């Protein structure tokens, strides 16, 4: 990597941010594409979100990813926001184009692509989504466009109800809600075809945590966990043992990152190089 006065800067903002795999993935992609870009991680406190976005403009940073807890907070500081990101009030990608800041959300695109590339179809299916945060909202919107029914369970029910209202209004799909209680999970999982964990349960260092009791997992289920560190969560390990089709968090991370990269560079993302870089890194940690 040869840094020069012509190097374009991209990055990710969040808090915490030290765990992010995005710099590994994107810098591998830039190297594979042989383009003069660099990707950095920036720790931004919630009180500094406005300053960070203004700094992006002032420093002519080409693109930013946005992660927890800023996906909703950045929306009001942007010049234009893509319709799907507006609907779910969540932006995970910002493009600086001629000093105008455009907001997008590639989480839903990434989740949908991860499922389809691993042979999971949504038409005629019911999806059980755990979580109602920024990533979960974007995932719910993307999946609900194709699935017949979606159930959203969250630790507290109000965010799930708000998301159901958005989905019902925008897509006129059947959406049910509940909490992450064992009884609600058991009830909804009984007739679900696809389970998506969009909570942080099972994330390093909480290796022994899973949002779903193992006895509820079964062979005819597709299970995607968006947690990517560890590479195999307790949920995905137990789903494999149960004979379910499993999609790990790296797959969604790769495809949402690929969509972001294509917005910033206008080039096709080298998905396999991004995947290999992420797996190599995770094998070390």
C-alpha atoms as a PDB file:
ATOM      1  CA  UNK A   1       0.000   0.000   0.000  1.00  0.00           C
ATOM      2  CA  UNK A   2       1.522   3.300  -1.089  1.00  0.00           C
ATOM      3  CA  UNK A   3      -0.070   6.217   0.721  1.00  0.00           C
ATOM      4  CA  UNK A   4       0.147   9.480  -1.209  1.00  0.00           C
ATOM      5  CA  UNK A   5      -1.586  12.829  -1.562  1.00  0.00           C
ATOM      6  CA  UNK A   6      -4.017  11.151  -3.958  1.00  0.00           C
ATOM      7  CA  UNK A   7      -5.070   8.367  -1.577  1.00  0.00           C
ATOM      8  CA  UNK A   8      -8.842   8.293  -0.996  1.00  0.00           C
ATOM      9  CA  UNK A   9      -9.964   7.635   2.572  1.00  0.00           C
ATOM     10  CA  UNK A  10     -12.873   5.441   3.651  1.00  0.00           C
ATOM     11  CA  UNK A  11     -13.640   4.144   7.120  1.00  0.00           C
ATOM     12  CA  UNK A  12     -16.099   3.069   9.768  1.00  0.00           C
ATOM     13  CA  UNK A  13     -17.432   4.972  12.778  1.00  0.00           C
ATOM     14  CA  UNK A  14     -18.840   3.387  15.899  1.00  0.00           C
ATOM     15  CA  UNK A  15     -18.376   2.921  19.632  1.00  0.00           C
ATOM     16  CA  UNK A  16     -16.811   0.502  20.392  1.00  0.00           C
ATOM     17  CA  UNK A  17     -14.935   0.034  17.128  1.00  0.00           C
ATOM     18  CA  UNK A  18     -11.705  -1.782  17.955  1.00  0.00           C
ATOM     19  CA  UNK A  19     -13.297  -5.165  17.194  1.00  0.00           C
ATOM     20  CA  UNK A  20     -14.353  -4.201  13.657  1.00  0.00           C
ATOM     21  CA  UNK A  21     -13.367  -6.527  10.843  1.00  0.00           C
ATOM     22  CA  UNK A  22     -14.219  -3.934   8.194  1.00  0.00           C
ATOM     23  CA  UNK A  23     -10.679  -2.488   7.855  1.00  0.00           C
ATOM     24  CA  UNK A  24      -9.332  -5.983   7.129  1.00  0.00           C
ATOM     25  CA  UNK A  25     -12.010  -6.671   4.526  1.00  0.00           C
ATOM     26  CA  UNK A  26     -11.935  -3.347   2.712  1.00  0.00           C
ATOM     27  CA  UNK A  27      -8.168  -2.920   2.617  1.00  0.00           C
ATOM     28  CA  UNK A  28      -7.895  -6.424   1.164  1.00  0.00           C
ATOM     29  CA  UNK A  29     -10.443  -5.415  -1.480  1.00  0.00           C
ATOM     30  CA  UNK A  30      -8.603  -2.193  -2.345  1.00  0.00           C
ATOM     31  CA  UNK A  31      -5.367  -4.138  -2.686  1.00  0.00           C
ATOM     32  CA  UNK A  32      -7.035  -6.740  -4.909  1.00  0.00           C
ATOM     33  CA  UNK A  33      -8.515  -3.993  -7.098  1.00  0.00           C
ATOM     34  CA  UNK A  34      -5.178  -2.110  -7.130  1.00  0.00           C
ATOM     35  CA  UNK A  35      -6.826   1.215  -6.345  1.00  0.00           C
ATOM     36  CA  UNK A  36      -5.423   4.026  -4.209  1.00  0.00           C
ATOM     37  CA  UNK A  37      -7.806   3.808  -1.256  1.00  0.00           C
ATOM     38  CA  UNK A  38      -7.291   3.151   2.456  1.00  0.00           C
ATOM     39  CA  UNK A  39      -9.864   2.177   5.093  1.00  0.00           C
ATOM     40  CA  UNK A  40      -9.610   3.127   8.783  1.00  0.00           C
ATOM     41  CA  UNK A  41     -11.659   2.660  11.955  1.00  0.00           C
ATOM     42  CA  UNK A  42     -12.718   5.749  13.911  1.00  0.00           C
ATOM     43  CA  UNK A  43     -14.045   5.561  17.459  1.00  0.00           C
ATOM     44  CA  UNK A  44     -16.808   8.162  17.684  1.00  0.00           C
ATOM     45  CA  UNK A  45     -18.714   8.823  20.909  1.00  0.00           C
ATOM     46  CA  UNK A  46     -22.479   9.402  20.580  1.00  0.00           C
ATOM     47  CA  UNK A  47     -22.091  13.075  21.475  1.00  0.00           C
ATOM     48  CA  UNK A  48     -19.616  13.524  18.599  1.00  0.00           C
ATOM     49  CA  UNK A  49     -21.672  12.084  15.724  1.00  0.00           C
ATOM     50  CA  UNK A  50     -22.505  15.487  14.209  1.00  0.00           C
ATOM     51  CA  UNK A  51     -18.858  16.542  14.391  1.00  0.00           C
ATOM     52  CA  UNK A  52     -17.751  13.273  12.785  1.00  0.00           C
ATOM     53  CA  UNK A  53     -20.150  13.690   9.867  1.00  0.00           C
ATOM     54  CA  UNK A  54     -19.112  17.311   9.392  1.00  0.00           C
ATOM     55  CA  UNK A  55     -15.487  16.191   9.554  1.00  0.00           C
ATOM     56  CA  UNK A  56     -16.146  13.699   6.771  1.00  0.00           C
ATOM     57  CA  UNK A  57     -17.252  16.559   4.575  1.00  0.00           C
ATOM     58  CA  UNK A  58     -14.455  18.908   5.632  1.00  0.00           C
ATOM     59  CA  UNK A  59     -11.716  16.305   5.135  1.00  0.00           C
ATOM     60  CA  UNK A  60     -13.193  15.013   1.874  1.00  0.00           C
ATOM     61  CA  UNK A  61     -13.424  11.454   3.194  1.00  0.00           C
ATOM     62  CA  UNK A  62     -14.927   9.429   0.355  1.00  0.00           C
ATOM     63  CA  UNK A  63     -17.008   6.943   2.302  1.00  0.00           C
ATOM     64  CA  UNK A  64     -17.943   5.816   5.780  1.00  0.00           C
ATOM     65  CA  UNK A  65     -19.615   2.766   7.195  1.00  0.00           C
ATOM     66  CA  UNK A  66     -21.667   3.381  10.319  1.00  0.00           C
ATOM     67  CA  UNK A  67     -22.052   0.805  13.061  1.00  0.00           C
ATOM     68  CA  UNK A  68     -23.510   0.652  16.566  1.00  0.00           C
ATOM     69  CA  UNK A  69     -24.795   2.857  18.067  1.00  0.00           C
ATOM     70  CA  UNK A  70     -24.888   5.554  15.357  1.00  0.00           C
ATOM     71  CA  UNK A  71     -26.994   4.136  12.489  1.00  0.00           C
ATOM     72  CA  UNK A  72     -30.053   6.229  13.312  1.00  0.00           C
ATOM     73  CA  UNK A  73     -28.213   9.225  14.763  1.00  0.00           C
ATOM     74  CA  UNK A  74     -26.365  10.014  11.513  1.00  0.00           C
ATOM     75  CA  UNK A  75     -29.535  10.258   9.400  1.00  0.00           C
ATOM     76  CA  UNK A  76     -30.401  13.863  10.256  1.00  0.00           C
ATOM     77  CA  UNK A  77     -26.873  15.060   9.438  1.00  0.00           C
ATOM     78  CA  UNK A  78     -26.908  13.874   5.805  1.00  0.00           C
ATOM     79  CA  UNK A  79     -27.942  15.741   2.670  1.00  0.00           C
ATOM     80  CA  UNK A  80     -29.887  12.897   1.067  1.00  0.00           C
ATOM     81  CA  UNK A  81     -30.971   9.481   2.299  1.00  0.00           C
ATOM     82  CA  UNK A  82     -31.994   6.501   0.182  1.00  0.00           C
ATOM     83  CA  UNK A  83     -35.682   5.575   0.502  1.00  0.00           C
ATOM     84  CA  UNK A  84     -35.100   2.175   2.115  1.00  0.00           C
ATOM     85  CA  UNK A  85     -32.754   3.753   4.689  1.00  0.00           C
ATOM     86  CA  UNK A  86     -35.369   6.448   5.353  1.00  0.00           C
ATOM     87  CA  UNK A  87     -38.070   3.855   5.923  1.00  0.00           C
ATOM     88  CA  UNK A  88     -36.080   1.996   8.573  1.00  0.00           C
ATOM     89  CA  UNK A  89     -34.345   5.170   9.867  1.00  0.00           C
ATOM     90  CA  UNK A  90     -30.965   3.464   9.705  1.00  0.00           C
ATOM     91  CA  UNK A  91     -27.873   4.309   7.642  1.00  0.00           C
ATOM     92  CA  UNK A  92     -24.789   2.098   7.561  1.00  0.00           C
ATOM     93  CA  UNK A  93     -23.079   3.621   4.503  1.00  0.00           C
ATOM     94  CA  UNK A  94     -22.315   7.244   3.652  1.00  0.00           C
ATOM     95  CA  UNK A  95     -21.035   8.387   0.272  1.00  0.00           C
ATOM     96  CA  UNK A  96     -19.362  11.786  -0.107  1.00  0.00           C
ATOM     97  CA  UNK A  97     -20.055  12.886  -3.679  1.00  0.00           C
ATOM     98  CA  UNK A  98     -18.979  16.402  -4.604  1.00  0.00           C
ATOM     99  CA  UNK A  99     -19.347  17.489  -0.963  1.00  0.00           C
ATOM    100  CA  UNK A 100     -22.892  16.136  -0.671  1.00  0.00           C
ATOM    101  CA  UNK A 101     -23.391  13.299   1.805  1.00  0.00           C
ATOM    102  CA  UNK A 102     -25.670  10.469   0.677  1.00  0.00           C
ATOM    103  CA  UNK A 103     -26.929   7.843   3.149  1.00  0.00           C
ATOM    104  CA  UNK A 104     -27.683   4.204   2.313  1.00  0.00           C
ATOM    105  CA  UNK A 105     -28.239   0.976   4.185  1.00  0.00           C
ATOM    106  CA  UNK A 106     -26.547  -2.126   2.788  1.00  0.00           C
ATOM    107  CA  UNK A 107     -27.286  -4.376   5.797  1.00  0.00           C
ATOM    108  CA  UNK A 108     -30.507  -5.647   4.258  1.00  0.00           C
ATOM    109  CA  UNK A 109     -28.892  -6.164   0.858  1.00  0.00           C
ATOM    110  CA  UNK A 110     -26.053  -8.046   2.554  1.00  0.00           C
ATOM    111  CA  UNK A 111     -28.375 -10.307   4.526  1.00  0.00           C
ATOM    112  CA  UNK A 112     -30.532 -11.104   1.511  1.00  0.00           C
ATOM    113  CA  UNK A 113     -27.486 -11.862  -0.642  1.00  0.00           C
ATOM    114  CA  UNK A 114     -25.938 -14.033   2.087  1.00  0.00           C
ATOM    115  CA  UNK A 115     -29.095 -16.133   2.312  1.00  0.00           C
ATOM    116  CA  UNK A 116     -29.588 -16.488  -1.440  1.00  0.00           C
ATOM    117  CA  UNK A 117     -25.935 -17.261  -2.177  1.00  0.00           C
ATOM    118  CA  UNK A 118     -26.221 -20.082   0.354  1.00  0.00           C
ATOM    119  CA  UNK A 119     -29.308 -21.548  -1.278  1.00  0.00           C
ATOM    120  CA  UNK A 120     -32.016 -20.090   0.960  1.00  0.00           C
ATOM    121  CA  UNK A 121     -35.111 -18.793  -0.822  1.00  0.00           C
ATOM    122  CA  UNK A 122     -37.613 -16.545   0.922  1.00  0.00           C
ATOM    123  CA  UNK A 123     -40.705 -16.781  -1.259  1.00  0.00           C
ATOM    124  CA  UNK A 124     -43.484 -18.544   0.607  1.00  0.00           C
ATOM    125  CA  UNK A 125     -41.426 -18.649   3.816  1.00  0.00           C
ATOM    126  CA  UNK A 126     -41.766 -17.277   7.339  1.00  0.00           C
ATOM    127  CA  UNK A 127     -38.772 -15.494   8.868  1.00  0.00           C
ATOM    128  CA  UNK A 128     -38.157 -15.194  12.604  1.00  0.00           C
ATOM    129  CA  UNK A 129     -35.933 -12.177  13.274  1.00  0.00           C
ATOM    130  CA  UNK A 130     -34.343 -11.678  16.679  1.00  0.00           C
ATOM    131  CA  UNK A 131     -33.625  -8.019  17.416  1.00  0.00           C
ATOM    132  CA  UNK A 132     -35.012  -4.658  16.310  1.00  0.00           C
ATOM    133  CA  UNK A 133     -31.926  -2.416  16.222  1.00  0.00           C
ATOM    134  CA  UNK A 134     -30.387  -0.625  13.238  1.00  0.00           C
ATOM    135  CA  UNK A 135     -29.133  -3.714  11.422  1.00  0.00           C
ATOM    136  CA  UNK A 136     -32.262  -5.695  12.295  1.00  0.00           C
ATOM    137  CA  UNK A 137     -34.549  -3.016  10.857  1.00  0.00           C
ATOM    138  CA  UNK A 138     -32.727  -2.980   7.532  1.00  0.00           C
ATOM    139  CA  UNK A 139     -32.642  -6.789   7.410  1.00  0.00           C
ATOM    140  CA  UNK A 140     -36.353  -6.991   8.217  1.00  0.00           C
ATOM    141  CA  UNK A 141     -37.244  -4.575   5.410  1.00  0.00           C
ATOM    142  CA  UNK A 142     -35.151  -6.433   2.827  1.00  0.00           C
ATOM    143  CA  UNK A 143     -36.374  -9.902   3.801  1.00  0.00           C
ATOM    144  CA  UNK A 144     -40.003  -8.865   4.177  1.00  0.00           C
ATOM    145  CA  UNK A 145     -40.023  -7.766   0.531  1.00  0.00           C
ATOM    146  CA  UNK A 146     -39.704 -11.432  -0.465  1.00  0.00           C
ATOM    147  CA  UNK A 147     -40.877 -13.540   2.481  1.00  0.00           C
ATOM    148  CA  UNK A 148     -44.567 -14.160   3.118  1.00  0.00           C
ATOM    149  CA  UNK A 149     -44.433 -13.484   6.837  1.00  0.00           C
ATOM    150  CA  UNK A 150     -41.999 -12.114   9.392  1.00  0.00           C
ATOM    151  CA  UNK A 151     -41.960 -12.278  13.174  1.00  0.00           C
ATOM    152  CA  UNK A 152     -39.832  -9.758  15.087  1.00  0.00           C
ATOM    153  CA  UNK A 153     -38.809 -10.496  18.665  1.00  0.00           C
ATOM    154  CA  UNK A 154     -36.872  -7.994  20.759  1.00  0.00           C
ATOM    155  CA  UNK A 155     -35.755  -7.669  24.370  1.00  0.00           C
ATOM    156  CA  UNK A 156     -38.349  -4.921  24.820  1.00  0.00           C
ATOM    157  CA  UNK A 157     -41.439  -5.079  22.656  1.00  0.00           C
ATOM    158  CA  UNK A 158     -41.838  -1.375  21.733  1.00  0.00           C
ATOM    159  CA  UNK A 159     -39.031  -1.285  19.110  1.00  0.00           C
ATOM    160  CA  UNK A 160     -40.437  -4.482  17.579  1.00  0.00           C
ATOM    161  CA  UNK A 161     -43.901  -2.911  17.417  1.00  0.00           C
ATOM    162  CA  UNK A 162     -42.469   0.214  15.765  1.00  0.00           C
ATOM    163  CA  UNK A 163     -40.686  -1.915  13.182  1.00  0.00           C
ATOM    164  CA  UNK A 164     -43.848  -3.948  12.517  1.00  0.00           C
ATOM    165  CA  UNK A 165     -45.759  -0.733  11.902  1.00  0.00           C
ATOM    166  CA  UNK A 166     -43.143   0.407   9.380  1.00  0.00           C
ATOM    167  CA  UNK A 167     -43.108  -2.938   7.561  1.00  0.00           C
ATOM    168  CA  UNK A 168     -46.871  -3.246   7.551  1.00  0.00           C
ATOM    169  CA  UNK A 169     -47.256   0.245   6.135  1.00  0.00           C
ATOM    170  CA  UNK A 170     -44.467   0.069   3.549  1.00  0.00           C
ATOM    171  CA  UNK A 171     -44.926  -3.508   2.376  1.00  0.00           C
ATOM    172  CA  UNK A 172     -48.385  -4.572   3.600  1.00  0.00           C
ATOM    173  CA  UNK A 173     -46.924  -7.847   4.864  1.00  0.00           C
ATOM    174  CA  UNK A 174     -48.000  -9.917   7.841  1.00  0.00           C
ATOM    175  CA  UNK A 175     -45.716  -8.966  10.740  1.00  0.00           C
ATOM    176  CA  UNK A 176     -46.030 -10.262  14.289  1.00  0.00           C
ATOM    177  CA  UNK A 177     -44.057  -9.154  17.340  1.00  0.00           C
ATOM    178  CA  UNK A 178     -42.997 -10.420  20.730  1.00  0.00           C
ATOM    179  CA  UNK A 179     -40.156 -10.494  23.224  1.00  0.00           C
ATOM    180  CA  UNK A 180     -37.005 -12.598  23.370  1.00  0.00           C
ATOM    181  CA  UNK A 181     -38.547 -14.788  26.071  1.00  0.00           C
ATOM    182  CA  UNK A 182     -38.100 -18.559  25.643  1.00  0.00           C
ATOM    183  CA  UNK A 183     -41.876 -18.950  25.289  1.00  0.00           C
ATOM    184  CA  UNK A 184     -42.199 -16.381  22.479  1.00  0.00           C
ATOM    185  CA  UNK A 185     -39.176 -17.812  20.651  1.00  0.00           C
ATOM    186  CA  UNK A 186     -40.568 -21.347  20.931  1.00  0.00           C
ATOM    187  CA  UNK A 187     -44.013 -20.265  19.690  1.00  0.00           C
ATOM    188  CA  UNK A 188     -42.754 -18.373  16.631  1.00  0.00           C
ATOM    189  CA  UNK A 189     -39.969 -20.781  15.724  1.00  0.00           C
ATOM    190  CA  UNK A 190     -42.438 -23.656  15.533  1.00  0.00           C
ATOM    191  CA  UNK A 191     -43.724 -22.570  12.106  1.00  0.00           C
ATOM    192  CA  UNK A 192     -40.745 -20.496  10.900  1.00  0.00           C
ATOM    193  CA  UNK A 193     -38.530 -21.563   8.010  1.00  0.00           C
ATOM    194  CA  UNK A 194     -35.688 -19.072   8.511  1.00  0.00           C
ATOM    195  CA  UNK A 195     -34.156 -17.825  11.773  1.00  0.00           C
ATOM    196  CA  UNK A 196     -31.992 -14.687  11.787  1.00  0.00           C
ATOM    197  CA  UNK A 197     -30.166 -13.570  14.921  1.00  0.00           C
ATOM    198  CA  UNK A 198     -29.642  -9.802  14.642  1.00  0.00           C
ATOM    199  CA  UNK A 199     -28.840  -9.325  18.323  1.00  0.00           C
ATOM    200  CA  UNK A 200     -25.354  -9.245  19.850  1.00  0.00           C
ATOM    201  CA  UNK A 201     -26.002 -12.397  21.896  1.00  0.00           C
ATOM    202  CA  UNK A 202     -23.075 -14.791  21.443  1.00  0.00           C
ATOM    203  CA  UNK A 203     -20.581 -12.103  20.445  1.00  0.00           C
ATOM    204  CA  UNK A 204     -17.032 -12.313  21.790  1.00  0.00           C
ATOM    205  CA  UNK A 205     -16.333 -12.672  24.733  1.00  0.00           C
ATOM    206  CA  UNK A 206     -19.758 -14.203  25.491  1.00  0.00           C
ATOM    207  CA  UNK A 207     -19.015 -17.460  23.691  1.00  0.00           C
ATOM    208  CA  UNK A 208     -21.410 -19.531  25.816  1.00  0.00           C
ATOM    209  CA  UNK A 209     -24.513 -17.441  25.122  1.00  0.00           C
ATOM    210  CA  UNK A 210     -27.201 -18.231  22.565  1.00  0.00           C
ATOM    211  CA  UNK A 211     -30.568 -16.513  22.055  1.00  0.00           C
ATOM    212  CA  UNK A 212     -32.277 -19.797  21.173  1.00  0.00           C
ATOM    213  CA  UNK A 213     -32.459 -23.011  23.251  1.00  0.00           C
ATOM    214  CA  UNK A 214     -30.810 -25.837  21.288  1.00  0.00           C
ATOM    215  CA  UNK A 215     -33.870 -28.095  21.673  1.00  0.00           C
ATOM    216  CA  UNK A 216     -35.855 -25.739  19.411  1.00  0.00           C
ATOM    217  CA  UNK A 217     -33.467 -26.077  16.455  1.00  0.00           C
ATOM    218  CA  UNK A 218     -34.310 -28.599  13.736  1.00  0.00           C
ATOM    219  CA  UNK A 219     -33.050 -29.920  10.361  1.00  0.00           C
ATOM    220  CA  UNK A 220     -35.572 -28.109   8.148  1.00  0.00           C
ATOM    221  CA  UNK A 221     -34.524 -24.680   9.468  1.00  0.00           C
ATOM    222  CA  UNK A 222     -32.118 -22.163   7.884  1.00  0.00           C
ATOM    223  CA  UNK A 223     -30.189 -20.263  10.563  1.00  0.00           C
ATOM    224  CA  UNK A 224     -28.218 -17.058   9.987  1.00  0.00           C
ATOM    225  CA  UNK A 225     -26.330 -15.339  12.790  1.00  0.00           C
ATOM    226  CA  UNK A 226     -25.043 -11.843  11.968  1.00  0.00           C
ATOM    227  CA  UNK A 227     -22.471 -12.104  14.779  1.00  0.00           C
ATOM    228  CA  UNK A 228     -19.129 -12.775  13.073  1.00  0.00           C
ATOM    229  CA  UNK A 229     -16.742 -12.893  16.031  1.00  0.00           C
ATOM    230  CA  UNK A 230     -16.507 -15.724  16.928  1.00  0.00           C
ATOM    231  CA  UNK A 231     -16.799 -17.222  13.471  1.00  0.00           C
ATOM    232  CA  UNK A 232     -18.903 -20.025  14.948  1.00  0.00           C
ATOM    233  CA  UNK A 233     -21.269 -18.840  17.649  1.00  0.00           C
ATOM    234  CA  UNK A 234     -22.994 -21.142  20.076  1.00  0.00           C
ATOM    235  CA  UNK A 235     -26.161 -20.711  18.011  1.00  0.00           C
ATOM    236  CA  UNK A 236     -24.538 -21.744  14.722  1.00  0.00           C
ATOM    237  CA  UNK A 237     -22.699 -24.654  16.361  1.00  0.00           C
ATOM    238  CA  UNK A 238     -25.932 -26.008  17.845  1.00  0.00           C
ATOM    239  CA  UNK A 239     -27.816 -25.397  14.603  1.00  0.00           C
ATOM    240  CA  UNK A 240     -25.229 -27.498  12.737  1.00  0.00           C
ATOM    241  CA  UNK A 241     -25.603 -30.285  15.271  1.00  0.00           C
ATOM    242  CA  UNK A 242     -29.383 -30.133  14.752  1.00  0.00           C
ATOM    243  CA  UNK A 243     -28.843 -30.545  11.002  1.00  0.00           C
ATOM    244  CA  UNK A 244     -29.998 -27.039  10.042  1.00  0.00           C
ATOM    245  CA  UNK A 245     -28.548 -25.041   7.143  1.00  0.00           C
ATOM    246  CA  UNK A 246     -26.193 -22.477   8.697  1.00  0.00           C
ATOM    247  CA  UNK A 247     -25.002 -19.104   7.373  1.00  0.00           C
ATOM    248  CA  UNK A 248     -22.387 -17.393   9.539  1.00  0.00           C
ATOM    249  CA  UNK A 249     -22.002 -13.675  10.189  1.00  0.00           C
ATOM    250  CA  UNK A 250     -19.029 -13.257   7.863  1.00  0.00           C
ATOM    251  CA  UNK A 251     -21.286 -13.866   4.860  1.00  0.00           C
ATOM    252  CA  UNK A 252     -23.561 -10.916   5.620  1.00  0.00           C
ATOM    253  CA  UNK A 253     -20.588  -8.743   6.576  1.00  0.00           C
ATOM    254  CA  UNK A 254     -18.904  -9.500   3.245  1.00  0.00           C
ATOM    255  CA  UNK A 255     -21.959  -8.776   1.110  1.00  0.00           C
ATOM    256  CA  UNK A 256     -22.973  -5.585   2.917  1.00  0.00           C
ATOM    257  CA  UNK A 257     -19.342  -4.447   2.692  1.00  0.00           C
ATOM    258  CA  UNK A 258     -19.238  -5.286  -1.006  1.00  0.00           C
ATOM    259  CA  UNK A 259     -22.313  -3.130  -1.623  1.00  0.00           C
ATOM    260  CA  UNK A 260     -20.722  -0.241   0.284  1.00  0.00           C
ATOM    261  CA  UNK A 261     -17.458  -0.554  -1.631  1.00  0.00           C
ATOM    262  CA  UNK A 262     -19.261  -0.494  -4.965  1.00  0.00           C
ATOM    263  CA  UNK A 263     -21.028   2.735  -3.978  1.00  0.00           C
ATOM    264  CA  UNK A 264     -17.710   4.392  -3.074  1.00  0.00           C
ATOM    265  CA  UNK A 265     -15.564   3.157  -5.953  1.00  0.00           C
ATOM    266  CA  UNK A 266     -17.933   2.293  -8.801  1.00  0.00           C
ATOM    267  CA  UNK A 267     -16.074  -1.016  -9.172  1.00  0.00           C
ATOM    268  CA  UNK A 268     -17.278  -4.596  -8.681  1.00  0.00           C
ATOM    269  CA  UNK A 269     -16.256  -5.826  -5.255  1.00  0.00           C
ATOM    270  CA  UNK A 270     -13.783  -8.758  -5.108  1.00  0.00           C
ATOM    271  CA  UNK A 271     -16.002 -10.811  -2.814  1.00  0.00           C
ATOM    272  CA  UNK A 272     -13.747 -13.866  -2.572  1.00  0.00           C
ATOM    273  CA  UNK A 273     -10.690 -11.776  -1.635  1.00  0.00           C
ATOM    274  CA  UNK A 274     -12.772 -10.072   1.048  1.00  0.00           C
ATOM    275  CA  UNK A 275     -14.003 -13.413   2.377  1.00  0.00           C
ATOM    276  CA  UNK A 276     -10.529 -14.951   2.515  1.00  0.00           C
ATOM    277  CA  UNK A 277      -9.069 -11.918   4.291  1.00  0.00           C
ATOM    278  CA  UNK A 278     -11.800 -12.006   6.921  1.00  0.00           C
ATOM    279  CA  UNK A 279     -11.499 -15.745   7.528  1.00  0.00           C
ATOM    280  CA  UNK A 280      -7.708 -15.526   7.778  1.00  0.00           C
ATOM    281  CA  UNK A 281      -8.006 -12.755  10.360  1.00  0.00           C
ATOM    282  CA  UNK A 282     -10.650 -14.541  12.416  1.00  0.00           C
ATOM    283  CA  UNK A 283      -8.594 -17.734  12.514  1.00  0.00           C
ATOM    284  CA  UNK A 284      -5.885 -15.751  14.346  1.00  0.00           C
ATOM    285  CA  UNK A 285      -8.071 -14.202  17.030  1.00  0.00           C
END
